[in-house]
Amino acid sequence: MKKIINCIALPVILPVLMLGCAPVGDSLAPIGKNDLDEADYMRRVLANDLDAKGNYEVIPGSDVTTVKIMKPNTPLDERSLRLSMRSIKAAMRDSFDREPNKLRFEFRDVTIEE
């Protein structure tokens, strides 16, 4: 009986374990020098904003540069933020002479991506 259970359980459990170890999303992709340069660029941009000072964390990624905003819980003006994100990406494009990663601003209650 144990052999039968083992023969049935192994083919079911093994694929589940293998899928659990498969890389998914941006978090496991290698982060290159370009990604780190973009994160540094974002830090410099945010360092000039007195309201943002000490209120954010910039996380580089291979596809997305994430900025976690601690306060406020939502953007004060989402439209203005999106316009700012687009202008930052345009400046990065000019500065690095290539298409930059997506920008993601994560607030506690909302995430905005451009």
C-alpha atoms as a PDB file:
ATOM      1  CA  MET A   1       0.000   0.000   0.000  1.00  0.00           C
ATOM      2  CA  LYS A   2       2.838   2.422   0.855  1.00  0.00           C
ATOM      3  CA  LYS A   3       4.464   1.755  -2.520  1.00  0.00           C
ATOM      4  CA  ILE A   4       1.235   2.593  -4.319  1.00  0.00           C
ATOM      5  CA  ILE A   5       0.838   5.840  -2.367  1.00  0.00           C
ATOM      6  CA  ASN A   6       4.478   6.754  -3.040  1.00  0.00           C
ATOM      7  CA  CYS A   7       4.063   6.031  -6.756  1.00  0.00           C
ATOM      8  CA  ILE A   8       1.008   8.281  -6.906  1.00  0.00           C
ATOM      9  CA  ALA A   9       2.300  11.044  -4.637  1.00  0.00           C
ATOM     10  CA  LEU A  10       5.703  11.517  -6.289  1.00  0.00           C
ATOM     11  CA  PRO A  11       4.388  12.492  -9.754  1.00  0.00           C
ATOM     12  CA  VAL A  12       1.947  14.918  -8.147  1.00  0.00           C
ATOM     13  CA  ILE A  13       4.284  16.531  -5.613  1.00  0.00           C
ATOM     14  CA  LEU A  14       7.433  16.783  -7.761  1.00  0.00           C
ATOM     15  CA  PRO A  15       5.960  19.163 -10.392  1.00  0.00           C
ATOM     16  CA  VAL A  16       4.482  21.336  -7.654  1.00  0.00           C
ATOM     17  CA  LEU A  17       7.885  21.621  -5.998  1.00  0.00           C
ATOM     18  CA  MET A  18       9.573  22.376  -9.314  1.00  0.00           C
ATOM     19  CA  LEU A  19       7.047  25.103 -10.159  1.00  0.00           C
ATOM     20  CA  GLY A  20       7.604  26.655  -6.758  1.00  0.00           C
ATOM     21  CA  CYS A  21      11.287  27.100  -7.604  1.00  0.00           C
ATOM     22  CA  ALA A  22      10.794  28.520 -11.098  1.00  0.00           C
ATOM     23  CA  PRO A  23      11.863  32.155 -11.571  1.00  0.00           C
ATOM     24  CA  VAL A  24       8.929  34.502 -12.005  1.00  0.00           C
ATOM     25  CA  GLY A  25       8.748  38.234 -12.535  1.00  0.00           C
ATOM     26  CA  ASP A  26      11.366  40.916 -12.256  1.00  0.00           C
ATOM     27  CA  SER A  27      12.631  39.993  -8.799  1.00  0.00           C
ATOM     28  CA  LEU A  28      14.841  37.109  -9.938  1.00  0.00           C
ATOM     29  CA  ALA A  29      16.127  38.579 -13.204  1.00  0.00           C
ATOM     30  CA  PRO A  30      19.724  39.803 -13.065  1.00  0.00           C
ATOM     31  CA  ILE A  31      20.158  43.496 -12.338  1.00  0.00           C
ATOM     32  CA  GLY A  32      22.734  45.147 -14.565  1.00  0.00           C
ATOM     33  CA  LYS A  33      24.798  48.326 -14.381  1.00  0.00           C
ATOM     34  CA  ASN A  34      22.190  50.194 -16.464  1.00  0.00           C
ATOM     35  CA  ASP A  35      19.501  49.302 -13.923  1.00  0.00           C
ATOM     36  CA  LEU A  36      21.671  50.539 -11.059  1.00  0.00           C
ATOM     37  CA  ASP A  37      22.429  53.761 -12.972  1.00  0.00           C
ATOM     38  CA  GLU A  38      18.701  54.392 -13.433  1.00  0.00           C
ATOM     39  CA  ALA A  39      18.065  53.824  -9.714  1.00  0.00           C
ATOM     40  CA  ASP A  40      20.859  56.286  -8.858  1.00  0.00           C
ATOM     41  CA  TYR A  41      19.353  58.794 -11.286  1.00  0.00           C
ATOM     42  CA  MET A  42      15.974  58.461  -9.533  1.00  0.00           C
ATOM     43  CA  ARG A  43      17.643  58.957  -6.137  1.00  0.00           C
ATOM     44  CA  ARG A  44      19.273  62.180  -7.385  1.00  0.00           C
ATOM     45  CA  VAL A  45      15.963  63.452  -8.781  1.00  0.00           C
ATOM     46  CA  LEU A  46      14.130  62.700  -5.532  1.00  0.00           C
ATOM     47  CA  ALA A  47      16.934  64.176  -3.409  1.00  0.00           C
ATOM     48  CA  ASN A  48      16.114  67.577  -4.948  1.00  0.00           C
ATOM     49  CA  ASP A  49      12.475  67.320  -3.816  1.00  0.00           C
ATOM     50  CA  LEU A  50      12.218  68.617  -0.250  1.00  0.00           C
ATOM     51  CA  ASP A  51       8.880  66.849   0.318  1.00  0.00           C
ATOM     52  CA  ALA A  52      10.344  63.478  -0.667  1.00  0.00           C
ATOM     53  CA  LYS A  53      13.536  63.741   1.381  1.00  0.00           C
ATOM     54  CA  GLY A  54      13.909  60.604   3.525  1.00  0.00           C
ATOM     55  CA  ASN A  55      10.410  59.492   2.585  1.00  0.00           C
ATOM     56  CA  TYR A  56      11.196  56.997  -0.179  1.00  0.00           C
ATOM     57  CA  GLU A  57      13.189  53.928  -1.149  1.00  0.00           C
ATOM     58  CA  VAL A  58      14.422  53.301  -4.702  1.00  0.00           C
ATOM     59  CA  ILE A  59      14.674  49.641  -5.732  1.00  0.00           C
ATOM     60  CA  PRO A  60      16.432  48.790  -9.012  1.00  0.00           C
ATOM     61  CA  GLY A  61      15.053  46.022 -11.200  1.00  0.00           C
ATOM     62  CA  SER A  62      15.809  44.584 -14.606  1.00  0.00           C
ATOM     63  CA  ASP A  63      12.460  45.754 -16.069  1.00  0.00           C
ATOM     64  CA  VAL A  64      11.107  48.239 -13.531  1.00  0.00           C
ATOM     65  CA  THR A  65      12.674  50.839 -11.251  1.00  0.00           C
ATOM     66  CA  THR A  66      10.458  50.964  -8.169  1.00  0.00           C
ATOM     67  CA  VAL A  67      10.108  53.942  -5.850  1.00  0.00           C
ATOM     68  CA  LYS A  68       8.363  53.116  -2.577  1.00  0.00           C
ATOM     69  CA  ILE A  69       6.787  56.224  -1.059  1.00  0.00           C
ATOM     70  CA  MET A  70       6.145  56.047   2.703  1.00  0.00           C
ATOM     71  CA  LYS A  71       3.846  59.113   3.009  1.00  0.00           C
ATOM     72  CA  PRO A  72       1.244  60.068   1.843  1.00  0.00           C
ATOM     73  CA  ASN A  73      -0.763  56.867   1.304  1.00  0.00           C
ATOM     74  CA  THR A  74      -1.910  58.050  -2.131  1.00  0.00           C
ATOM     75  CA  PRO A  75      -0.486  60.650  -4.536  1.00  0.00           C
ATOM     76  CA  LEU A  76      -1.795  64.161  -4.002  1.00  0.00           C
ATOM     77  CA  ASP A  77      -2.253  64.668  -7.754  1.00  0.00           C
ATOM     78  CA  GLU A  78      -2.000  61.504  -9.846  1.00  0.00           C
ATOM     79  CA  ARG A  79      -2.052  63.347 -13.174  1.00  0.00           C
ATOM     80  CA  SER A  80       0.875  65.578 -12.178  1.00  0.00           C
ATOM     81  CA  LEU A  81       2.783  62.571 -10.882  1.00  0.00           C
ATOM     82  CA  ARG A  82       2.315  60.730 -14.175  1.00  0.00           C
ATOM     83  CA  LEU A  83       3.528  63.794 -16.100  1.00  0.00           C
ATOM     84  CA  SER A  84       6.576  63.990 -13.824  1.00  0.00           C
ATOM     85  CA  MET A  85       7.282  60.291 -14.328  1.00  0.00           C
ATOM     86  CA  ARG A  86       7.127  60.750 -18.106  1.00  0.00           C
ATOM     87  CA  SER A  87       9.499  63.713 -17.984  1.00  0.00           C
ATOM     88  CA  ILE A  88      11.924  61.762 -15.771  1.00  0.00           C
ATOM     89  CA  LYS A  89      11.858  58.874 -18.265  1.00  0.00           C
ATOM     90  CA  ALA A  90      12.481  61.321 -21.137  1.00  0.00           C
ATOM     91  CA  ALA A  91      15.449  62.796 -19.267  1.00  0.00           C
ATOM     92  CA  MET A  92      16.796  59.287 -18.605  1.00  0.00           C
ATOM     93  CA  ARG A  93      16.374  58.427 -22.281  1.00  0.00           C
ATOM     94  CA  ASP A  94      18.440  61.487 -23.223  1.00  0.00           C
ATOM     95  CA  SER A  95      21.004  60.917 -20.482  1.00  0.00           C
ATOM     96  CA  PHE A  96      21.564  57.184 -21.042  1.00  0.00           C
ATOM     97  CA  ASP A  97      20.889  57.187 -24.810  1.00  0.00           C
ATOM     98  CA  ARG A  98      18.539  54.185 -24.557  1.00  0.00           C
ATOM     99  CA  GLU A  99      15.003  53.306 -23.512  1.00  0.00           C
ATOM    100  CA  PRO A 100      14.805  53.312 -19.690  1.00  0.00           C
ATOM    101  CA  ASN A 101      12.984  50.807 -17.497  1.00  0.00           C
ATOM    102  CA  LYS A 102       9.401  51.392 -16.474  1.00  0.00           C
ATOM    103  CA  LEU A 103       8.969  53.588 -13.417  1.00  0.00           C
ATOM    104  CA  ARG A 104       6.736  52.343 -10.633  1.00  0.00           C
ATOM    105  CA  PHE A 105       5.730  54.538  -7.714  1.00  0.00           C
ATOM    106  CA  GLU A 106       4.298  52.443  -4.890  1.00  0.00           C
ATOM    107  CA  PHE A 107       2.264  54.243  -2.273  1.00  0.00           C
ATOM    108  CA  ARG A 108       0.600  52.370   0.571  1.00  0.00           C
ATOM    109  CA  ASP A 109      -2.819  52.423  -1.105  1.00  0.00           C
ATOM    110  CA  VAL A 110      -2.025  52.706  -4.810  1.00  0.00           C
ATOM    111  CA  THR A 111       0.675  51.857  -7.369  1.00  0.00           C
ATOM    112  CA  ILE A 112       1.320  54.004 -10.439  1.00  0.00           C
ATOM    113  CA  GLU A 113       3.430  52.781 -13.343  1.00  0.00           C
ATOM    114  CA  GLU A 114       4.632  54.576 -16.475  1.00  0.00           C
END
